[in-house]
PDB file of N, CA and C in Angstrom:
ATOM      1  N   MET A   1      -3.246  12.577 -10.284  1.00  0.00           N
ATOM      2  CA  MET A   1      -3.729  11.136 -10.348  1.00  0.00           C
ATOM      3  C   MET A   1      -4.269  10.649 -12.082  1.00  0.00           C
ATOM      4  N   TYR A   2      -5.419  12.201 -12.691  1.00  0.00           N
ATOM      5  CA  TYR A   2      -5.431  11.722 -13.808  1.00  0.00           C
ATOM      6  C   TYR A   2      -3.969  10.752 -14.829  1.00  0.00           C
ATOM      7  N   ASP A   3      -3.144  12.052 -14.513  1.00  0.00           N
ATOM      8  CA  ASP A   3      -1.876  11.342 -15.579  1.00  0.00           C
ATOM      9  C   ASP A   3      -1.469   9.982 -14.880  1.00  0.00           C
ATOM     10  N   TYR A   4      -1.226   9.829 -14.012  1.00  0.00           N
ATOM     11  CA  TYR A   4      -1.033   8.609 -13.284  1.00  0.00           C
ATOM     12  C   TYR A   4      -1.277   7.285 -13.514  1.00  0.00           C
ATOM     13  N   MET A   5      -2.692   7.380 -13.742  1.00  0.00           N
ATOM     14  CA  MET A   5      -3.685   6.290 -14.216  1.00  0.00           C
ATOM     15  C   MET A   5      -3.344   6.216 -15.613  1.00  0.00           C
ATOM     16  N   LYS A   6      -3.329   7.195 -16.434  1.00  0.00           N
ATOM     17  CA  LYS A   6      -3.076   7.208 -18.252  1.00  0.00           C
ATOM     18  C   LYS A   6      -1.627   6.739 -18.085  1.00  0.00           C
ATOM     19  N   ALA A   7      -0.622   7.121 -17.327  1.00  0.00           N
ATOM     20  CA  ALA A   7       0.564   6.231 -17.441  1.00  0.00           C
ATOM     21  C   ALA A   7       0.799   4.829 -17.058  1.00  0.00           C
ATOM     22  N   LEU A   8      -0.309   4.246 -16.160  1.00  0.00           N
ATOM     23  CA  LEU A   8      -0.371   3.094 -15.880  1.00  0.00           C
ATOM     24  C   LEU A   8      -1.057   2.274 -17.012  1.00  0.00           C
ATOM     25  N   GLN A   9      -2.020   2.617 -17.729  1.00  0.00           N
ATOM     26  CA  GLN A   9      -2.919   2.359 -18.618  1.00  0.00           C
ATOM     27  C   GLN A   9      -2.024   2.210 -19.859  1.00  0.00           C
ATOM     28  N   ARG A  10      -1.091   3.031 -20.170  1.00  0.00           N
ATOM     29  CA  ARG A  10      -0.048   3.018 -21.123  1.00  0.00           C
ATOM     30  C   ARG A  10       1.028   1.489 -21.049  1.00  0.00           C
ATOM     31  N   GLN A  11       1.295   1.597 -19.337  1.00  0.00           N
ATOM     32  CA  GLN A  11       2.198   0.777 -19.229  1.00  0.00           C
ATOM     33  C   GLN A  11       1.351  -0.976 -19.376  1.00  0.00           C
ATOM     34  N   PHE A  12       0.139  -1.284 -18.910  1.00  0.00           N
ATOM     35  CA  PHE A  12      -0.113  -2.608 -19.040  1.00  0.00           C
ATOM     36  C   PHE A  12      -1.202  -2.370 -20.471  1.00  0.00           C
ATOM     37  N   GLU A  13      -1.459  -1.419 -21.076  1.00  0.00           N
ATOM     38  CA  GLU A  13      -2.562  -2.004 -21.977  1.00  0.00           C
ATOM     39  C   GLU A  13      -1.991  -2.812 -23.345  1.00  0.00           C
ATOM     40  N   THR A  14      -2.943  -3.903 -23.712  1.00  0.00           N
ATOM     41  CA  THR A  14      -2.509  -4.360 -24.677  1.00  0.00           C
ATOM     42  C   THR A  14      -3.236  -3.914 -26.102  1.00  0.00           C
ATOM     43  N   ASN A  15      -2.649  -4.323 -27.164  1.00  0.00           N
ATOM     44  CA  ASN A  15      -3.444  -4.026 -28.230  1.00  0.00           C
ATOM     45  C   ASN A  15      -4.009  -5.456 -29.518  1.00  0.00           C
ATOM     46  N   PRO A  16      -5.051  -6.058 -28.990  1.00  0.00           N
ATOM     47  CA  PRO A  16      -4.882  -7.301 -29.753  1.00  0.00           C
ATOM     48  C   PRO A  16      -4.732  -7.001 -31.235  1.00  0.00           C
ATOM     49  N   GLN A  17      -5.251  -7.888 -31.631  1.00  0.00           N
ATOM     50  CA  GLN A  17      -4.785  -7.907 -33.279  1.00  0.00           C
ATOM     51  C   GLN A  17      -5.925  -7.803 -34.298  1.00  0.00           C
ATOM     52  N   SER A  18      -7.341  -8.142 -33.376  1.00  0.00           N
ATOM     53  CA  SER A  18      -8.692  -7.697 -33.481  1.00  0.00           C
ATOM     54  C   SER A  18      -9.101  -6.313 -33.566  1.00  0.00           C
ATOM     55  N   ILE A  19      -8.686  -5.537 -32.434  1.00  0.00           N
ATOM     56  CA  ILE A  19      -8.498  -4.298 -32.384  1.00  0.00           C
ATOM     57  C   ILE A  19      -8.090  -3.249 -33.603  1.00  0.00           C
ATOM     58  N   GLN A  20      -6.790  -3.640 -34.037  1.00  0.00           N
ATOM     59  CA  GLN A  20      -5.741  -2.877 -34.759  1.00  0.00           C
ATOM     60  C   GLN A  20      -7.064  -3.438 -35.987  1.00  0.00           C
ATOM     61  N   GLU A  21      -6.915  -4.241 -36.407  1.00  0.00           N
ATOM     62  CA  GLU A  21      -8.151  -5.059 -37.815  1.00  0.00           C
ATOM     63  C   GLU A  21      -9.538  -4.105 -37.816  1.00  0.00           C
ATOM     64  N   LEU A  22      -9.618  -4.039 -36.842  1.00  0.00           N
ATOM     65  CA  LEU A  22     -11.255  -2.934 -36.651  1.00  0.00           C
ATOM     66  C   LEU A  22     -10.825  -1.587 -36.800  1.00  0.00           C
ATOM     67  N   ASN A  23      -9.657  -1.105 -36.147  1.00  0.00           N
ATOM     68  CA  ASN A  23      -9.143   0.363 -36.678  1.00  0.00           C
ATOM     69  C   ASN A  23      -9.044   0.700 -37.863  1.00  0.00           C
ATOM     70  N   ASP A  24      -8.296  -0.430 -38.531  1.00  0.00           N
ATOM     71  CA  ASP A  24      -7.875  -0.104 -40.019  1.00  0.00           C
ATOM     72  C   ASP A  24      -9.347   0.091 -40.784  1.00  0.00           C
ATOM     73  N   GLU A  25      -9.884  -0.788 -40.592  1.00  0.00           N
ATOM     74  CA  GLU A  25     -11.394  -0.322 -41.403  1.00  0.00           C
ATOM     75  C   GLU A  25     -12.359   0.551 -41.076  1.00  0.00           C
ATOM     76  N   ILE A  26     -12.318   1.065 -39.647  1.00  0.00           N
ATOM     77  CA  ILE A  26     -12.578   2.470 -39.400  1.00  0.00           C
ATOM     78  C   ILE A  26     -11.384   3.814 -40.062  1.00  0.00           C
ATOM     79  N   ASN A  27     -10.640   3.554 -40.225  1.00  0.00           N
ATOM     80  CA  ASN A  27     -10.044   4.646 -40.828  1.00  0.00           C
ATOM     81  C   ASN A  27     -10.226   4.511 -42.626  1.00  0.00           C
ATOM     82  N   HIS A  28     -10.105   3.487 -42.970  1.00  0.00           N
ATOM     83  CA  HIS A  28     -10.422   3.022 -44.581  1.00  0.00           C
ATOM     84  C   HIS A  28     -11.972   3.913 -44.903  1.00  0.00           C
ATOM     85  N   ILE A  29     -12.606   3.258 -44.132  1.00  0.00           N
ATOM     86  CA  ILE A  29     -13.981   3.724 -44.204  1.00  0.00           C
ATOM     87  C   ILE A  29     -14.005   5.348 -44.074  1.00  0.00           C
ATOM     88  N   HIS A  30     -13.548   5.941 -43.264  1.00  0.00           N
ATOM     89  CA  HIS A  30     -13.486   7.021 -43.164  1.00  0.00           C
ATOM     90  C   HIS A  30     -13.116   7.744 -44.277  1.00  0.00           C
ATOM     91  N   LYS A  31     -11.940   7.487 -44.869  1.00  0.00           N
ATOM     92  CA  LYS A  31     -11.107   8.046 -45.593  1.00  0.00           C
ATOM     93  C   LYS A  31     -12.117   7.844 -46.985  1.00  0.00           C
ATOM     94  N   GLU A  32     -12.769   6.791 -47.306  1.00  0.00           N
ATOM     95  CA  GLU A  32     -13.759   6.738 -48.212  1.00  0.00           C
ATOM     96  C   GLU A  32     -15.163   7.858 -48.403  1.00  0.00           C
ATOM     97  N   LEU A  33     -15.026   7.687 -46.900  1.00  0.00           N
ATOM     98  CA  LEU A  33     -16.683   8.573 -47.058  1.00  0.00           C
ATOM     99  C   LEU A  33     -15.879  10.351 -47.115  1.00  0.00           C
ATOM    100  N   SER A  34     -15.211  10.266 -46.591  1.00  0.00           N
ATOM    101  CA  SER A  34     -14.844  11.907 -46.645  1.00  0.00           C
ATOM    102  C   SER A  34     -14.535  12.325 -47.770  1.00  0.00           C
ATOM    103  N   SER A  35     -14.032  11.243 -48.506  1.00  0.00           N
ATOM    104  CA  SER A  35     -13.475  11.556 -50.146  1.00  0.00           C
ATOM    105  C   SER A  35     -14.915  11.678 -50.879  1.00  0.00           C
ATOM    106  N   ARG A  36     -15.863  11.554 -50.333  1.00  0.00           N
ATOM    107  CA  ARG A  36     -17.394  11.149 -51.422  1.00  0.00           C
ATOM    108  C   ARG A  36     -18.320  12.841 -50.438  1.00  0.00           C
ATOM    109  N   LEU A  37     -17.875  13.644 -49.771  1.00  0.00           N
ATOM    110  CA  LEU A  37     -18.443  14.646 -48.901  1.00  0.00           C
ATOM    111  C   LEU A  37     -17.645  15.766 -49.687  1.00  0.00           C
ATOM    112  N   ALA A  38     -18.593  16.643 -49.725  1.00  0.00           N
ATOM    113  CA  ALA A  38     -18.085  18.149 -49.628  1.00  0.00           C
ATOM    114  C   ALA A  38     -17.217  18.865 -48.577  1.00  0.00           C
ATOM    115  N   LYS A  39     -16.588  19.824 -48.677  1.00  0.00           N
ATOM    116  CA  LYS A  39     -15.686  20.454 -47.665  1.00  0.00           C
ATOM    117  C   LYS A  39     -16.669  20.529 -46.316  1.00  0.00           C
ATOM    118  N   GLU A  40     -17.875  20.975 -46.310  1.00  0.00           N
ATOM    119  CA  GLU A  40     -18.452  21.559 -44.885  1.00  0.00           C
ATOM    120  C   GLU A  40     -18.622  20.005 -44.200  1.00  0.00           C
ATOM    121  N   GLU A  41     -19.093  19.169 -45.289  1.00  0.00           N
ATOM    122  CA  GLU A  41     -19.817  17.816 -44.441  1.00  0.00           C
ATOM    123  C   GLU A  41     -18.513  17.235 -43.754  1.00  0.00           C
ATOM    124  N   ARG A  42     -17.208  17.321 -44.748  1.00  0.00           N
ATOM    125  CA  ARG A  42     -16.074  16.709 -44.238  1.00  0.00           C
ATOM    126  C   ARG A  42     -15.808  17.339 -42.707  1.00  0.00           C
ATOM    127  N   LYS A  43     -15.498  18.548 -42.472  1.00  0.00           N
ATOM    128  CA  LYS A  43     -15.271  19.543 -41.383  1.00  0.00           C
ATOM    129  C   LYS A  43     -16.358  18.752 -40.375  1.00  0.00           C
ATOM    130  N   LEU A  44     -17.417  18.466 -40.486  1.00  0.00           N
ATOM    131  CA  LEU A  44     -18.917  17.929 -39.807  1.00  0.00           C
ATOM    132  C   LEU A  44     -17.980  16.365 -39.122  1.00  0.00           C
ATOM    133  N   LEU A  45     -17.953  15.328 -40.360  1.00  0.00           N
ATOM    134  CA  LEU A  45     -17.740  14.597 -40.026  1.00  0.00           C
ATOM    135  C   LEU A  45     -16.104  14.172 -39.405  1.00  0.00           C
ATOM    136  N   LEU A  46     -15.024  15.055 -39.521  1.00  0.00           N
ATOM    137  CA  LEU A  46     -14.124  15.385 -38.503  1.00  0.00           C
ATOM    138  C   LEU A  46     -14.195  15.292 -37.202  1.00  0.00           C
ATOM    139  N   ARG A  47     -14.980  16.411 -37.262  1.00  0.00           N
ATOM    140  CA  ARG A  47     -15.380  16.179 -35.698  1.00  0.00           C
ATOM    141  C   ARG A  47     -16.173  15.397 -35.474  1.00  0.00           C
ATOM    142  N   LEU A  48     -17.121  14.868 -35.497  1.00  0.00           N
ATOM    143  CA  LEU A  48     -17.681  13.214 -35.078  1.00  0.00           C
ATOM    144  C   LEU A  48     -16.911  12.608 -35.242  1.00  0.00           C
ATOM    145  N   VAL A  49     -16.479  12.334 -35.570  1.00  0.00           N
ATOM    146  CA  VAL A  49     -14.741  11.295 -35.282  1.00  0.00           C
ATOM    147  C   VAL A  49     -13.837  11.905 -34.196  1.00  0.00           C
ATOM    148  N   ASP A  50     -13.283  12.769 -34.554  1.00  0.00           N
ATOM    149  CA  ASP A  50     -12.673  13.279 -33.038  1.00  0.00           C
ATOM    150  C   ASP A  50     -13.455  13.442 -31.672  1.00  0.00           C
ATOM    151  N   MET A  51     -14.932  13.417 -31.889  1.00  0.00           N
ATOM    152  CA  MET A  51     -15.181  13.419 -30.449  1.00  0.00           C
ATOM    153  C   MET A  51     -15.590  12.203 -29.951  1.00  0.00           C
ATOM    154  N   GLU A  52     -15.830  11.028 -30.463  1.00  0.00           N
ATOM    155  CA  GLU A  52     -15.799  10.238 -30.997  1.00  0.00           C
ATOM    156  C   GLU A  52     -14.574   9.325 -30.231  1.00  0.00           C
ATOM    157  N   ASP A  53     -13.664   9.387 -31.053  1.00  0.00           N
ATOM    158  CA  ASP A  53     -12.113   9.059 -30.374  1.00  0.00           C
ATOM    159  C   ASP A  53     -12.024   9.602 -29.175  1.00  0.00           C
ATOM    160  N   HIS A  54     -12.295  11.052 -28.427  1.00  0.00           N
ATOM    161  CA  HIS A  54     -12.150  11.331 -27.182  1.00  0.00           C
ATOM    162  C   HIS A  54     -12.895  10.544 -26.946  1.00  0.00           C
ATOM    163  N   LEU A  55     -14.354  10.063 -26.677  1.00  0.00           N
ATOM    164  CA  LEU A  55     -15.168   9.566 -26.052  1.00  0.00           C
ATOM    165  C   LEU A  55     -14.848   7.797 -25.838  1.00  0.00           C
ATOM    166  N   ARG A  56     -14.371   7.144 -26.883  1.00  0.00           N
ATOM    167  CA  ARG A  56     -13.512   5.983 -26.660  1.00  0.00           C
ATOM    168  C   ARG A  56     -12.350   6.602 -25.290  1.00  0.00           C
ATOM    169  N   GLY A  57     -11.229   7.023 -25.786  1.00  0.00           N
ATOM    170  CA  GLY A  57      -9.895   7.262 -24.934  1.00  0.00           C
ATOM    171  C   GLY A  57     -10.511   7.437 -23.450  1.00  0.00           C
ATOM    172  N   THR A  58     -11.844   8.199 -22.895  1.00  0.00           N
ATOM    173  CA  THR A  58     -12.311   8.693 -22.141  1.00  0.00           C
ATOM    174  C   THR A  58     -12.922   7.161 -21.480  1.00  0.00           C
ATOM    175  N   ALA A  59     -13.755   6.495 -22.163  1.00  0.00           N
ATOM    176  CA  ALA A  59     -14.402   5.245 -21.846  1.00  0.00           C
ATOM    177  C   ALA A  59     -13.328   4.614 -21.632  1.00  0.00           C
ATOM    178  N   THR A  60     -12.113   4.215 -22.108  1.00  0.00           N
ATOM    179  CA  THR A  60     -11.114   3.628 -21.889  1.00  0.00           C
ATOM    180  C   THR A  60     -10.356   3.423 -20.576  1.00  0.00           C
ATOM    181  N   LEU A  61     -10.089   4.728 -20.644  1.00  0.00           N
ATOM    182  CA  LEU A  61      -9.538   5.178 -18.992  1.00  0.00           C
ATOM    183  C   LEU A  61     -10.296   5.133 -17.748  1.00  0.00           C
ATOM    184  N   HIS A  62     -11.632   5.098 -18.361  1.00  0.00           N
ATOM    185  CA  HIS A  62     -12.619   4.775 -16.963  1.00  0.00           C
ATOM    186  C   HIS A  62     -12.535   3.534 -16.411  1.00  0.00           C
ATOM    187  N   SER A  63     -12.738   2.727 -17.833  1.00  0.00           N
ATOM    188  CA  SER A  63     -12.822   1.162 -17.487  1.00  0.00           C
ATOM    189  C   SER A  63     -11.586   0.438 -16.387  1.00  0.00           C
ATOM    190  N   PHE A  64     -10.254   1.167 -17.109  1.00  0.00           N
ATOM    191  CA  PHE A  64      -9.144   1.124 -16.617  1.00  0.00           C
ATOM    192  C   PHE A  64      -9.036   1.355 -15.287  1.00  0.00           C
ATOM    193  N   THR A  65      -9.337   2.323 -15.111  1.00  0.00           N
ATOM    194  CA  THR A  65      -9.129   2.919 -13.570  1.00  0.00           C
ATOM    195  C   THR A  65      -9.956   2.184 -12.593  1.00  0.00           C
ATOM    196  N   CYS A  66     -11.114   1.788 -13.100  1.00  0.00           N
ATOM    197  CA  CYS A  66     -12.402   0.789 -12.162  1.00  0.00           C
ATOM    198  C   CYS A  66     -11.561  -0.450 -11.904  1.00  0.00           C
ATOM    199  N   GLY A  67     -10.894  -1.130 -13.122  1.00  0.00           N
ATOM    200  CA  GLY A  67     -10.263  -1.937 -12.747  1.00  0.00           C
ATOM    201  C   GLY A  67      -9.423  -2.314 -12.080  1.00  0.00           C
ATOM    202  N   TYR A  68      -8.338  -0.915 -11.924  1.00  0.00           N
ATOM    203  CA  TYR A  68      -7.586  -0.549 -10.806  1.00  0.00           C
ATOM    204  C   TYR A  68      -8.237  -0.564  -9.844  1.00  0.00           C
ATOM    205  N   ARG A  69      -8.734  -0.043  -9.368  1.00  0.00           N
ATOM    206  CA  ARG A  69      -8.907   0.391  -8.095  1.00  0.00           C
ATOM    207  C   ARG A  69     -10.202  -0.961  -7.742  1.00  0.00           C
ATOM    208  N   LEU A  70     -10.649  -1.538  -8.284  1.00  0.00           N
ATOM    209  CA  LEU A  70     -11.146  -3.159  -8.198  1.00  0.00           C
ATOM    210  C   LEU A  70     -10.218  -4.217  -7.804  1.00  0.00           C
ATOM    211  N   ALA A  71      -8.768  -3.731  -8.411  1.00  0.00           N
ATOM    212  CA  ALA A  71      -7.582  -5.006  -8.137  1.00  0.00           C
ATOM    213  C   ALA A  71      -7.072  -4.293  -6.828  1.00  0.00           C
ATOM    214  N   CYS A  72      -7.512  -2.961  -6.491  1.00  0.00           N
ATOM    215  CA  CYS A  72      -6.474  -2.643  -5.329  1.00  0.00           C
ATOM    216  C   CYS A  72      -7.645  -3.050  -4.191  1.00  0.00           C
ATOM    217  N   GLY A  73      -8.570  -2.616  -4.302  1.00  0.00           N
ATOM    218  CA  GLY A  73      -9.869  -3.485  -2.937  1.00  0.00           C
ATOM    219  C   GLY A  73      -9.681  -4.817  -2.846  1.00  0.00           C
ATOM    220  N   ILE A  74      -9.483  -5.778  -3.805  1.00  0.00           N
ATOM    221  CA  ILE A  74      -8.950  -6.996  -3.498  1.00  0.00           C
ATOM    222  C   ILE A  74      -7.517  -7.103  -2.780  1.00  0.00           C
ATOM    223  N   HIS A  75      -6.889  -6.542  -3.514  1.00  0.00           N
ATOM    224  CA  HIS A  75      -5.548  -6.890  -2.383  1.00  0.00           C
ATOM    225  C   HIS A  75      -5.936  -6.664  -1.191  1.00  0.00           C
ATOM    226  N   ARG A  76      -5.922  -5.283  -0.892  1.00  0.00           N
ATOM    227  CA  ARG A  76      -6.443  -4.992   0.784  1.00  0.00           C
ATOM    228  C   ARG A  76      -7.007  -5.816   1.461  1.00  0.00           C
ATOM    229  N   GLU A  77      -8.227  -6.370   0.766  1.00  0.00           N
ATOM    230  CA  GLU A  77      -8.814  -7.557   1.631  1.00  0.00           C
ATOM    231  C   GLU A  77      -8.331  -8.723   1.499  1.00  0.00           C
ATOM    232  N   LEU A  78      -7.333  -9.089   0.851  1.00  0.00           N
ATOM    233  CA  LEU A  78      -6.444 -10.394   1.069  1.00  0.00           C
ATOM    234  C   LEU A  78      -5.405  -9.870   1.975  1.00  0.00           C
ATOM    235  N   ALA A  79      -4.967  -8.437   2.060  1.00  0.00           N
ATOM    236  CA  ALA A  79      -4.093  -8.409   2.979  1.00  0.00           C
ATOM    237  C   ALA A  79      -4.230  -8.302   4.261  1.00  0.00           C
ATOM    238  N   GLU A  80      -5.751  -7.632   4.242  1.00  0.00           N
ATOM    239  CA  GLU A  80      -5.953  -7.909   5.717  1.00  0.00           C
ATOM    240  C   GLU A  80      -6.609  -9.262   6.939  1.00  0.00           C
ATOM    241  N   GLU A  81      -6.391  -9.903   5.952  1.00  0.00           N
ATOM    242  CA  GLU A  81      -7.055 -11.497   6.217  1.00  0.00           C
ATOM    243  C   GLU A  81      -5.950 -12.156   6.419  1.00  0.00           C
ATOM    244  N   PRO A  82      -5.588 -13.222   6.668  1.00  0.00           N
ATOM    245  CA  PRO A  82      -4.749 -14.170   7.121  1.00  0.00           C
ATOM    246  C   PRO A  82      -5.082 -15.204   5.656  1.00  0.00           C
ATOM    247  N   ILE A  83      -4.092 -15.431   4.919  1.00  0.00           N
ATOM    248  CA  ILE A  83      -3.958 -16.332   3.621  1.00  0.00           C
ATOM    249  C   ILE A  83      -4.886 -17.649   4.055  1.00  0.00           C
ATOM    250  N   TYR A  84      -5.494 -17.870   3.335  1.00  0.00           N
ATOM    251  CA  TYR A  84      -6.226 -19.695   3.683  1.00  0.00           C
ATOM    252  C   TYR A  84      -4.809 -20.442   3.219  1.00  0.00           C
ATOM    253  N   SER A  85      -5.321 -21.300   4.395  1.00  0.00           N
ATOM    254  CA  SER A  85      -4.599 -22.426   4.448  1.00  0.00           C
ATOM    255  C   SER A  85      -5.456 -23.789   4.552  1.00  0.00           C
ATOM    256  N   PHE A  86      -5.084 -24.424   3.852  1.00  0.00           N
ATOM    257  CA  PHE A  86      -6.329 -25.773   3.742  1.00  0.00           C
ATOM    258  C   PHE A  86      -5.694 -26.418   5.268  1.00  0.00           C
ATOM    259  N   ALA A  87      -4.440 -26.742   5.241  1.00  0.00           N
ATOM    260  CA  ALA A  87      -3.867 -27.894   6.385  1.00  0.00           C
ATOM    261  C   ALA A  87      -4.261 -27.024   7.766  1.00  0.00           C
ATOM    262  N   LYS A  88      -3.860 -25.861   7.308  1.00  0.00           N
ATOM    263  CA  LYS A  88      -4.779 -24.857   9.057  1.00  0.00           C
ATOM    264  C   LYS A  88      -6.188 -25.078   9.532  1.00  0.00           C
ATOM    265  N   GLU A  89      -6.945 -25.436   8.183  1.00  0.00           N
ATOM    266  CA  GLU A  89      -8.482 -25.383   8.455  1.00  0.00           C
ATOM    267  C   GLU A  89      -8.590 -27.075   8.694  1.00  0.00           C
ATOM    268  N   GLU A  90      -8.005 -27.662   8.688  1.00  0.00           N
ATOM    269  CA  GLU A  90      -7.675 -29.237   8.725  1.00  0.00           C
ATOM    270  C   GLU A  90      -7.639 -29.515  10.271  1.00  0.00           C
ATOM    271  N   GLU A  91      -6.633 -29.093  10.548  1.00  0.00           N
ATOM    272  CA  GLU A  91      -5.903 -28.731  11.961  1.00  0.00           C
ATOM    273  C   GLU A  91      -7.071 -28.864  12.847  1.00  0.00           C
ATOM    274  N   GLU A  92      -7.699 -26.876  12.522  1.00  0.00           N
ATOM    275  CA  GLU A  92      -8.775 -26.434  13.277  1.00  0.00           C
ATOM    276  C   GLU A  92      -9.990 -27.308  13.590  1.00  0.00           C
ATOM    277  N   ARG A  93     -10.486 -28.113  12.360  1.00  0.00           N
ATOM    278  CA  ARG A  93     -11.838 -29.044  12.102  1.00  0.00           C
ATOM    279  C   ARG A  93     -11.123 -30.257  13.258  1.00  0.00           C
ATOM    280  N   ALA A  94      -9.686 -31.087  13.042  1.00  0.00           N
ATOM    281  CA  ALA A  94      -9.734 -32.206  13.743  1.00  0.00           C
ATOM    282  C   ALA A  94      -9.873 -31.816  15.603  1.00  0.00           C
ATOM    283  N   CYS A  95      -9.278 -30.598  15.690  1.00  0.00           N
ATOM    284  CA  CYS A  95      -9.076 -29.718  17.067  1.00  0.00           C
ATOM    285  C   CYS A  95     -10.538 -29.820  17.852  1.00  0.00           C
ATOM    286  N   ARG A  96     -11.282 -29.144  17.020  1.00  0.00           N
ATOM    287  CA  ARG A  96     -12.641 -29.272  17.076  1.00  0.00           C
ATOM    288  C   ARG A  96     -13.275 -30.697  17.140  1.00  0.00           C
ATOM    289  N   ARG A  97     -13.247 -31.664  16.769  1.00  0.00           N
ATOM    290  CA  ARG A  97     -14.016 -33.014  16.695  1.00  0.00           C
ATOM    291  C   ARG A  97     -13.264 -33.727  18.147  1.00  0.00           C
ATOM    292  N   ALA A  98     -11.994 -33.406  18.501  1.00  0.00           N
ATOM    293  CA  ALA A  98     -11.372 -33.988  19.539  1.00  0.00           C
ATOM    294  C   ALA A  98     -12.089 -33.566  20.826  1.00  0.00           C
ATOM    295  N   GLN A  99     -12.401 -31.890  20.807  1.00  0.00           N
ATOM    296  CA  GLN A  99     -12.927 -31.462  21.940  1.00  0.00           C
ATOM    297  C   GLN A  99     -14.116 -31.807  22.075  1.00  0.00           C
ATOM    298  N   ALA A 100     -15.263 -32.414  21.125  1.00  0.00           N
ATOM    299  CA  ALA A 100     -16.204 -32.325  20.931  1.00  0.00           C
ATOM    300  C   ALA A 100     -16.308 -34.104  21.279  1.00  0.00           C
ATOM    301  N   GLN A 101     -15.334 -35.008  21.165  1.00  0.00           N
ATOM    302  CA  GLN A 101     -15.496 -36.224  21.539  1.00  0.00           C
ATOM    303  C   GLN A 101     -14.958 -36.548  22.949  1.00  0.00           C
ATOM    304  N   ASP A 102     -14.022 -35.245  23.397  1.00  0.00           N
ATOM    305  CA  ASP A 102     -13.754 -35.292  24.940  1.00  0.00           C
ATOM    306  C   ASP A 102     -14.875 -34.436  25.761  1.00  0.00           C
ATOM    307  N   ASP A 103     -16.186 -33.776  25.130  1.00  0.00           N
ATOM    308  CA  ASP A 103     -17.170 -33.295  25.868  1.00  0.00           C
ATOM    309  C   ASP A 103     -18.256 -34.491  25.966  1.00  0.00           C
ATOM    310  N   ASP A 104     -17.927 -35.297  24.963  1.00  0.00           N
ATOM    311  CA  ASP A 104     -19.259 -36.395  24.861  1.00  0.00           C
ATOM    312  C   ASP A 104     -18.423 -37.411  25.668  1.00  0.00           C
ATOM    313  N   ASN A 105     -17.415 -37.464  26.272  1.00  0.00           N
ATOM    314  CA  ASN A 105     -16.702 -38.636  27.115  1.00  0.00           C
ATOM    315  C   ASN A 105     -16.396 -38.060  28.438  1.00  0.00           C
ATOM    316  N   THR A 106     -16.698 -36.533  28.681  1.00  0.00           N
ATOM    317  CA  THR A 106     -16.471 -36.270  30.002  1.00  0.00           C
ATOM    318  C   THR A 106     -18.036 -36.876  31.264  1.00  0.00           C
ATOM    319  N   PRO A 107     -17.999 -37.973  32.183  1.00  0.00           N
ATOM    320  CA  PRO A 107     -18.879 -37.600  33.091  1.00  0.00           C
ATOM    321  C   PRO A 107     -19.546 -36.516  33.834  1.00  0.00           C
ATOM    322  N   ASN A 108     -20.842 -36.734  33.662  1.00  0.00           N
ATOM    323  CA  ASN A 108     -21.801 -35.580  33.913  1.00  0.00           C
ATOM    324  C   ASN A 108     -22.201 -35.661  35.405  1.00  0.00           C
TER     325      ASN A 108
END
């Protein structure tokens, strides 16, 4: 199921320009900070960035999966009920009105 959801996510995921710009800025700042740090501190920074990237990917997939489940639930509910028809509702209302008038005109 996990692989299936990842494949669906890749198929439907969009990458808005604003996200790409933020990602580019993050990479630029990461490189600049990394160049200022000693080797051990760079390893720690790289580990932090990797963990953050993994967390972001996991959260994104979780959000996509929740949205997919919501869409499936809505689809299931819509499939179970008849499709709404304004004309049918008006016809039923007219029938009820006519029935009520007939009941009012019936002698006691």
